[in-house]
């Protein structure tokens, strides 16, 4: 096995909004049944942001919990990466707002847009930056999404899946533990399969009198399924190969929480036991770039990942892009402080 980088996750936190929409409530606007949604996706309910809540509101609450978990202050953060497609503004970056509200001084910020693979990509970008520059003491990586702002609640293709929330992780230094290797893959042949066109330079909002069909998420579920079952196992094996680890030696995995049936298929296809992973998509839905972050935070909260375990984080995002990273885990204290 390759040596761990010494850059590991030292704190985690997450936040979900207060509004809960179960399948029965959602189906009031859909021509499907709650039982059909459960059979198709495994999802029972989803969390929705209130009308006055913003991405930064959710992100800050998750970030403060992660900082408390890591037992460090904002003055010890030198890098903030916000992974999202639903930031408060088109620009400036959401990471700048988080920097301002936390009271961080100096350092570097940027937003990363890889859709549902964003958090895995963000952790890799941050850990690479820390490896290249020893002066970066700690990094804060946040996955946050307000999917509901881009969903037509009467469109079953997208409304049955998507939810709002935020998760965060603090990266610190710990010799002998941390990220070992990451691998990424892109198959852009289905580039148009999951998209929000409105607001992009091809579909500007200037001059519009009312929202159009380009302003809501369009989703081809079958294309997403085929992409995921084809490339996620491959990218996980590639990350393990880089780490010089037999996939059978992996102790625990966290997948992007898109669809319970998809995760079940992947776990069985790769020969893992369900006890080697954690799923929350049944109870909170698909939170996009926040999904892996929230699932990881909840798994740590439930004490499911033992210190020195070999852990894999893996996700697929629209486009389609895939990412997986292999970690030698370290102890984490969970804090509910905000």
Protein backbone atom coordinates (compact mmCIF):
# COMPACT_ATOMS: atom_id res chain seq x y z
CA UNK A 1 0.00 0.00 0.00
CA UNK A 2 1.18 3.52 -0.76
CA UNK A 3 1.86 5.78 2.21
CA UNK A 4 -0.89 8.15 3.38
CA UNK A 5 -0.27 11.80 2.57
CA UNK A 6 -0.54 13.01 6.17
CA UNK A 7 -3.46 15.23 5.12
CA UNK A 8 -6.66 13.90 6.61
CA UNK A 9 -10.20 14.85 7.53
CA UNK A 10 -10.03 16.10 11.12
CA UNK A 11 -13.58 17.44 11.51
CA UNK A 12 -17.00 17.01 9.93
CA UNK A 13 -20.41 18.66 10.21
CA UNK A 14 -23.69 18.94 8.35
CA UNK A 15 -26.96 20.84 8.37
CA UNK A 16 -30.41 20.11 6.96
CA UNK A 17 -33.22 22.67 6.69
CA UNK A 18 -36.36 22.31 8.79
CA UNK A 19 -38.99 21.76 6.06
CA UNK A 20 -39.59 18.05 5.43
CA UNK A 21 -41.55 16.85 2.41
CA UNK A 22 -42.63 13.20 2.47
CA UNK A 23 -43.75 11.26 -0.58
CA UNK A 24 -47.43 11.69 0.19
CA UNK A 25 -47.11 15.47 0.19
CA UNK A 26 -45.01 15.52 -2.98
CA UNK A 27 -47.49 13.28 -4.79
CA UNK A 28 -50.23 15.88 -4.42
CA UNK A 29 -48.64 17.56 -7.46
CA UNK A 30 -47.57 14.41 -9.29
CA UNK A 31 -49.27 11.69 -11.26
CA UNK A 32 -47.42 8.98 -9.29
CA UNK A 33 -47.91 7.31 -5.92
CA UNK A 34 -45.75 7.36 -2.78
CA UNK A 35 -45.29 3.61 -3.19
CA UNK A 36 -44.00 4.08 -6.75
CA UNK A 37 -41.39 6.61 -5.59
CA UNK A 38 -40.25 4.28 -2.81
CA UNK A 39 -39.99 1.31 -5.18
CA UNK A 40 -38.12 3.32 -7.84
CA UNK A 41 -35.71 5.23 -5.60
CA UNK A 42 -35.92 4.03 -1.99
CA UNK A 43 -36.54 7.68 -1.00
CA UNK A 44 -39.20 8.33 1.66
CA UNK A 45 -38.78 12.08 2.18
CA UNK A 46 -36.61 15.09 1.40
CA UNK A 47 -35.54 18.36 3.08
CA UNK A 48 -36.35 21.73 1.53
CA UNK A 49 -34.92 25.15 2.31
CA UNK A 50 -37.32 27.84 3.45
CA UNK A 51 -38.05 30.79 1.15
CA UNK A 52 -35.61 33.06 3.01
CA UNK A 53 -32.80 30.50 3.38
CA UNK A 54 -29.71 30.66 1.19
CA UNK A 55 -26.88 28.32 0.30
CA UNK A 56 -24.57 30.32 2.56
CA UNK A 57 -27.00 29.93 5.49
CA UNK A 58 -26.84 26.13 5.26
CA UNK A 59 -23.13 26.07 4.46
CA UNK A 60 -22.18 28.23 7.43
CA UNK A 61 -24.03 26.02 9.89
CA UNK A 62 -22.31 22.91 8.50
CA UNK A 63 -18.95 24.71 8.49
CA UNK A 64 -19.23 25.82 12.11
CA UNK A 65 -20.02 22.27 13.18
CA UNK A 66 -17.03 20.98 11.24
CA UNK A 67 -14.74 23.57 12.84
CA UNK A 68 -16.05 22.62 16.30
CA UNK A 69 -15.52 18.94 15.45
CA UNK A 70 -11.92 19.70 14.40
CA UNK A 71 -11.46 21.82 17.53
CA UNK A 72 -9.96 24.71 15.60
CA UNK A 73 -10.97 28.31 15.05
CA UNK A 74 -11.65 30.15 11.83
CA UNK A 75 -8.29 31.89 12.25
CA UNK A 76 -6.60 28.55 11.55
CA UNK A 77 -8.23 28.08 8.12
CA UNK A 78 -6.06 28.99 5.11
CA UNK A 79 -8.23 27.59 2.29
CA UNK A 80 -11.98 27.40 1.70
CA UNK A 81 -13.47 25.36 -1.15
CA UNK A 82 -17.24 25.55 -1.71
CA UNK A 83 -18.62 22.78 -3.91
CA UNK A 84 -21.99 23.76 -5.39
CA UNK A 85 -23.97 24.76 -8.45
CA UNK A 86 -26.53 26.71 -6.39
CA UNK A 87 -24.50 29.44 -4.72
CA UNK A 88 -26.15 32.62 -3.42
CA UNK A 89 -25.01 34.57 -6.49
CA UNK A 90 -23.58 33.80 -9.92
CA UNK A 91 -20.56 35.62 -8.51
CA UNK A 92 -18.75 36.46 -6.29
CA UNK A 93 -17.93 32.97 -5.08
CA UNK A 94 -19.91 31.38 -2.26
CA UNK A 95 -16.58 30.58 -0.61
CA UNK A 96 -15.96 34.33 -0.28
CA UNK A 97 -19.25 34.75 1.61
CA UNK A 98 -18.31 31.88 3.93
CA UNK A 99 -14.86 33.43 4.44
CA UNK A 100 -16.49 36.75 5.37
CA UNK A 101 -19.12 35.35 7.74
CA UNK A 102 -16.71 33.02 9.55
CA UNK A 103 -14.26 35.87 10.02
CA UNK A 104 -11.38 34.13 8.26
CA UNK A 105 -8.44 36.41 7.48
CA UNK A 106 -6.37 36.04 4.32
CA UNK A 107 -5.84 32.67 2.68
CA UNK A 108 -7.39 31.36 -0.51
CA UNK A 109 -10.99 30.72 -1.59
CA UNK A 110 -12.62 29.21 -4.64
CA UNK A 111 -15.83 27.49 -5.70
CA UNK A 112 -15.75 24.12 -7.46
CA UNK A 113 -18.56 23.00 -9.75
CA UNK A 114 -18.54 19.27 -10.45
CA UNK A 115 -22.20 18.77 -9.49
CA UNK A 116 -22.77 15.71 -7.31
CA UNK A 117 -19.09 14.73 -7.53
CA UNK A 118 -18.12 18.15 -6.18
CA UNK A 119 -17.27 17.22 -2.60
CA UNK A 120 -14.96 14.37 -3.61
CA UNK A 121 -13.29 16.64 -6.18
CA UNK A 122 -13.11 19.47 -3.63
CA UNK A 123 -11.40 17.31 -1.02
CA UNK A 124 -8.85 16.24 -3.61
CA UNK A 125 -8.22 19.81 -4.80
CA UNK A 126 -7.77 21.01 -1.21
CA UNK A 127 -5.52 18.13 -0.15
CA UNK A 128 -3.39 18.58 -3.27
CA UNK A 129 -3.05 22.27 -2.45
CA UNK A 130 -2.01 21.46 1.12
CA UNK A 131 0.52 18.91 -0.11
CA UNK A 132 2.02 21.47 -2.47
CA UNK A 133 2.19 24.28 0.11
CA UNK A 134 3.11 23.45 3.73
CA UNK A 135 2.03 26.95 4.82
CA UNK A 136 -1.63 25.94 4.30
CA UNK A 137 -2.43 24.72 7.79
CA UNK A 138 -6.05 23.63 7.41
CA UNK A 139 -8.65 23.64 4.64
CA UNK A 140 -12.43 23.85 4.89
CA UNK A 141 -14.30 21.97 2.15
CA UNK A 142 -18.07 22.42 1.93
CA UNK A 143 -20.66 20.70 -0.21
CA UNK A 144 -23.96 22.59 -0.33
CA UNK A 145 -26.98 22.53 -2.59
CA UNK A 146 -30.35 24.21 -2.80
CA UNK A 147 -31.70 21.87 -5.45
CA UNK A 148 -35.28 22.88 -4.68
CA UNK A 149 -34.71 26.31 -6.27
CA UNK A 150 -34.21 24.57 -9.61
CA UNK A 151 -36.88 21.88 -9.41
CA UNK A 152 -40.37 21.88 -10.90
CA UNK A 153 -42.27 20.20 -8.08
CA UNK A 154 -44.78 18.87 -10.65
CA UNK A 155 -42.04 17.07 -12.63
CA UNK A 156 -41.59 13.54 -11.32
CA UNK A 157 -38.32 13.07 -13.24
CA UNK A 158 -36.52 15.43 -10.87
CA UNK A 159 -38.80 16.24 -7.92
CA UNK A 160 -38.80 12.72 -6.48
CA UNK A 161 -35.03 12.78 -5.93
CA UNK A 162 -33.75 16.17 -4.96
CA UNK A 163 -33.28 17.81 -1.60
CA UNK A 164 -31.41 20.67 0.10
CA UNK A 165 -28.59 20.55 2.63
CA UNK A 166 -24.94 21.15 3.44
CA UNK A 167 -22.00 19.13 4.70
CA UNK A 168 -18.46 20.19 5.53
CA UNK A 169 -15.07 18.73 6.35
CA UNK A 170 -11.90 20.27 7.75
CA UNK A 171 -8.61 18.95 6.40
CA UNK A 172 -5.61 19.02 8.70
CA UNK A 173 -2.20 17.38 9.01
CA UNK A 174 -1.58 14.02 10.69
CA UNK A 175 1.50 11.99 9.65
CA UNK A 176 0.67 8.40 8.83
CA UNK A 177 -2.98 9.01 8.04
CA UNK A 178 -5.05 10.80 5.43
CA UNK A 179 -5.71 10.64 1.72
CA UNK A 180 -3.65 8.04 -0.13
CA UNK A 181 -4.85 8.40 -3.73
CA UNK A 182 -7.66 9.76 -5.87
CA UNK A 183 -8.87 8.90 -9.35
CA UNK A 184 -11.20 10.72 -11.74
CA UNK A 185 -12.90 9.91 -15.01
CA UNK A 186 -15.16 11.83 -17.38
CA UNK A 187 -17.59 10.49 -19.97
CA UNK A 188 -19.16 13.53 -21.63
CA UNK A 189 -21.18 11.53 -24.17
CA UNK A 190 -24.34 12.28 -22.13
CA UNK A 191 -23.45 15.91 -21.42
CA UNK A 192 -27.09 17.05 -21.85
CA UNK A 193 -28.64 14.33 -19.67
CA UNK A 194 -28.77 16.37 -16.44
CA UNK A 195 -28.80 20.14 -16.80
CA UNK A 196 -30.06 23.56 -15.79
CA UNK A 197 -29.64 25.86 -18.80
CA UNK A 198 -31.11 29.09 -17.48
CA UNK A 199 -28.63 31.67 -16.29
CA UNK A 200 -25.82 30.31 -18.41
CA UNK A 201 -24.37 32.52 -21.14
CA UNK A 202 -26.34 30.55 -23.77
CA UNK A 203 -29.60 31.17 -21.88
CA UNK A 204 -29.14 34.54 -20.10
CA UNK A 205 -31.75 35.88 -17.72
CA UNK A 206 -31.40 39.45 -18.96
CA UNK A 207 -34.55 40.72 -20.62
CA UNK A 208 -36.84 37.94 -19.41
CA UNK A 209 -40.26 38.78 -18.04
CA UNK A 210 -40.91 35.36 -16.53
CA UNK A 211 -39.13 32.06 -15.84
CA UNK A 212 -38.87 29.62 -18.75
CA UNK A 213 -38.44 25.87 -19.07
CA UNK A 214 -34.67 26.40 -19.17
CA UNK A 215 -34.68 27.55 -15.54
CA UNK A 216 -35.53 24.16 -14.04
CA UNK A 217 -33.53 20.96 -13.78
CA UNK A 218 -33.92 18.51 -16.64
CA UNK A 219 -32.93 14.95 -15.79
CA UNK A 220 -32.62 11.73 -17.76
CA UNK A 221 -32.67 9.10 -15.03
CA UNK A 222 -31.89 6.13 -17.29
CA UNK A 223 -28.78 7.81 -18.71
CA UNK A 224 -27.62 8.64 -15.19
CA UNK A 225 -28.11 5.06 -14.02
CA UNK A 226 -26.18 3.63 -16.97
CA UNK A 227 -23.31 6.07 -16.47
CA UNK A 228 -23.09 5.35 -12.74
CA UNK A 229 -23.09 1.55 -12.93
CA UNK A 230 -20.53 1.65 -15.75
CA UNK A 231 -17.98 4.14 -14.39
CA UNK A 232 -18.27 4.30 -10.59
CA UNK A 233 -16.87 0.79 -10.01
CA UNK A 234 -14.10 1.54 -12.51
CA UNK A 235 -13.05 4.79 -10.85
CA UNK A 236 -13.09 3.15 -7.39
CA UNK A 237 -10.85 0.35 -8.64
CA UNK A 238 -8.57 2.92 -10.29
CA UNK A 239 -8.21 4.86 -7.03
CA UNK A 240 -7.44 1.63 -5.17
CA UNK A 241 -4.87 0.69 -7.81
CA UNK A 242 -3.15 4.08 -7.39
CA UNK A 243 -3.13 3.52 -3.63
CA UNK A 244 -1.78 -0.02 -4.19
CA UNK A 245 -4.74 -1.39 -2.27
CA UNK A 246 -6.87 -4.42 -3.11
CA UNK A 247 -10.50 -3.20 -3.21
CA UNK A 248 -11.34 -6.17 -0.98
CA UNK A 249 -9.20 -4.55 1.74
CA UNK A 250 -11.44 -1.47 1.87
CA UNK A 251 -13.26 -1.28 5.20
CA UNK A 252 -15.89 1.37 4.51
CA UNK A 253 -17.34 3.28 1.54
CA UNK A 254 -19.45 6.41 1.22
CA UNK A 255 -21.24 6.80 -2.13
CA UNK A 256 -23.05 9.78 -3.59
CA UNK A 257 -26.61 9.42 -2.29
CA UNK A 258 -28.54 9.60 -5.56
CA UNK A 259 -30.86 6.62 -5.32
CA UNK A 260 -30.91 3.78 -2.80
CA UNK A 261 -31.47 1.16 -5.49
CA UNK A 262 -28.38 2.42 -7.33
CA UNK A 263 -26.21 2.18 -4.21
CA UNK A 264 -27.58 -1.29 -3.47
CA UNK A 265 -26.69 -2.39 -7.00
CA UNK A 266 -23.16 -0.96 -6.79
CA UNK A 267 -22.45 -2.50 -3.39
CA UNK A 268 -23.52 -5.93 -4.59
CA UNK A 269 -21.77 -5.57 -7.96
CA UNK A 270 -18.46 -4.77 -6.26
CA UNK A 271 -18.77 -7.58 -3.73
CA UNK A 272 -19.12 -5.44 -0.61
CA UNK A 273 -21.50 -5.99 2.31
CA UNK A 274 -24.12 -3.37 3.17
CA UNK A 275 -22.50 -3.10 6.60
CA UNK A 276 -19.49 -1.57 4.82
CA UNK A 277 -21.39 1.49 3.71
CA UNK A 278 -23.83 4.06 5.05
CA UNK A 279 -26.89 5.38 3.23
CA UNK A 280 -29.17 8.27 4.12
CA UNK A 281 -30.83 8.90 0.75
CA UNK A 282 -33.95 7.13 2.03
CA UNK A 283 -34.51 9.80 4.67
CA UNK A 284 -33.08 12.98 3.10
CA UNK A 285 -33.05 12.51 -0.69
CA UNK A 286 -30.33 13.54 -3.12
CA UNK A 287 -28.54 16.67 -1.88
CA UNK A 288 -26.20 16.96 -4.86
CA UNK A 289 -22.69 18.17 -4.00
CA UNK A 290 -23.64 18.01 -0.30
CA UNK A 291 -24.57 14.34 -0.48
CA UNK A 292 -21.23 12.64 0.27
CA UNK A 293 -20.41 15.31 2.87
CA UNK A 294 -23.67 14.83 4.78
CA UNK A 295 -23.48 11.02 4.60
CA UNK A 296 -19.88 11.12 5.84
CA UNK A 297 -20.79 13.43 8.72
CA UNK A 298 -23.71 11.21 9.75
CA UNK A 299 -21.57 8.06 9.51
CA UNK A 300 -18.96 9.64 11.81
CA UNK A 301 -21.74 10.81 14.14
CA UNK A 302 -22.96 7.21 14.38
CA UNK A 303 -19.40 5.96 15.04
CA UNK A 304 -19.45 3.74 11.96
CA UNK A 305 -15.86 4.42 10.83
CA UNK A 306 -13.10 3.11 13.08
CA UNK A 307 -9.73 4.89 13.30
CA UNK A 308 -7.17 3.48 10.86
CA UNK A 309 -9.92 2.06 8.63
CA UNK A 310 -9.39 2.16 4.89
CA UNK A 311 -12.18 4.40 3.55
CA UNK A 312 -13.32 5.16 0.00
CA UNK A 313 -15.41 8.20 -0.98
CA UNK A 314 -17.00 7.97 -4.44
CA UNK A 315 -19.42 10.07 -6.48
CA UNK A 316 -20.84 10.78 -9.91
CA UNK A 317 -21.81 14.23 -11.16
CA UNK A 318 -23.60 15.60 -14.21
CA UNK A 319 -21.54 15.94 -17.31
CA UNK A 320 -20.76 13.07 -16.46
CA UNK A 321 -17.76 13.12 -14.13
CA UNK A 322 -16.69 10.52 -11.59
CA UNK A 323 -14.35 10.67 -8.63
CA UNK A 324 -13.09 8.36 -5.89
CA UNK A 325 -10.53 8.79 -3.14
CA UNK A 326 -8.90 6.34 -0.72
CA UNK A 327 -8.18 7.44 2.86
CA UNK A 328 -6.48 6.03 5.93
CA UNK A 329 -8.93 7.25 8.55
CA UNK A 330 -8.14 9.06 11.78
CA UNK A 331 -10.15 9.73 14.95
CA UNK A 332 -12.74 12.53 14.80
CA UNK A 333 -14.73 14.16 17.58
CA UNK A 334 -18.27 15.10 16.56
CA UNK A 335 -19.75 18.36 17.82
CA UNK A 336 -23.31 19.63 17.54
CA UNK A 337 -22.23 23.23 18.11
CA UNK A 338 -23.23 25.90 15.57
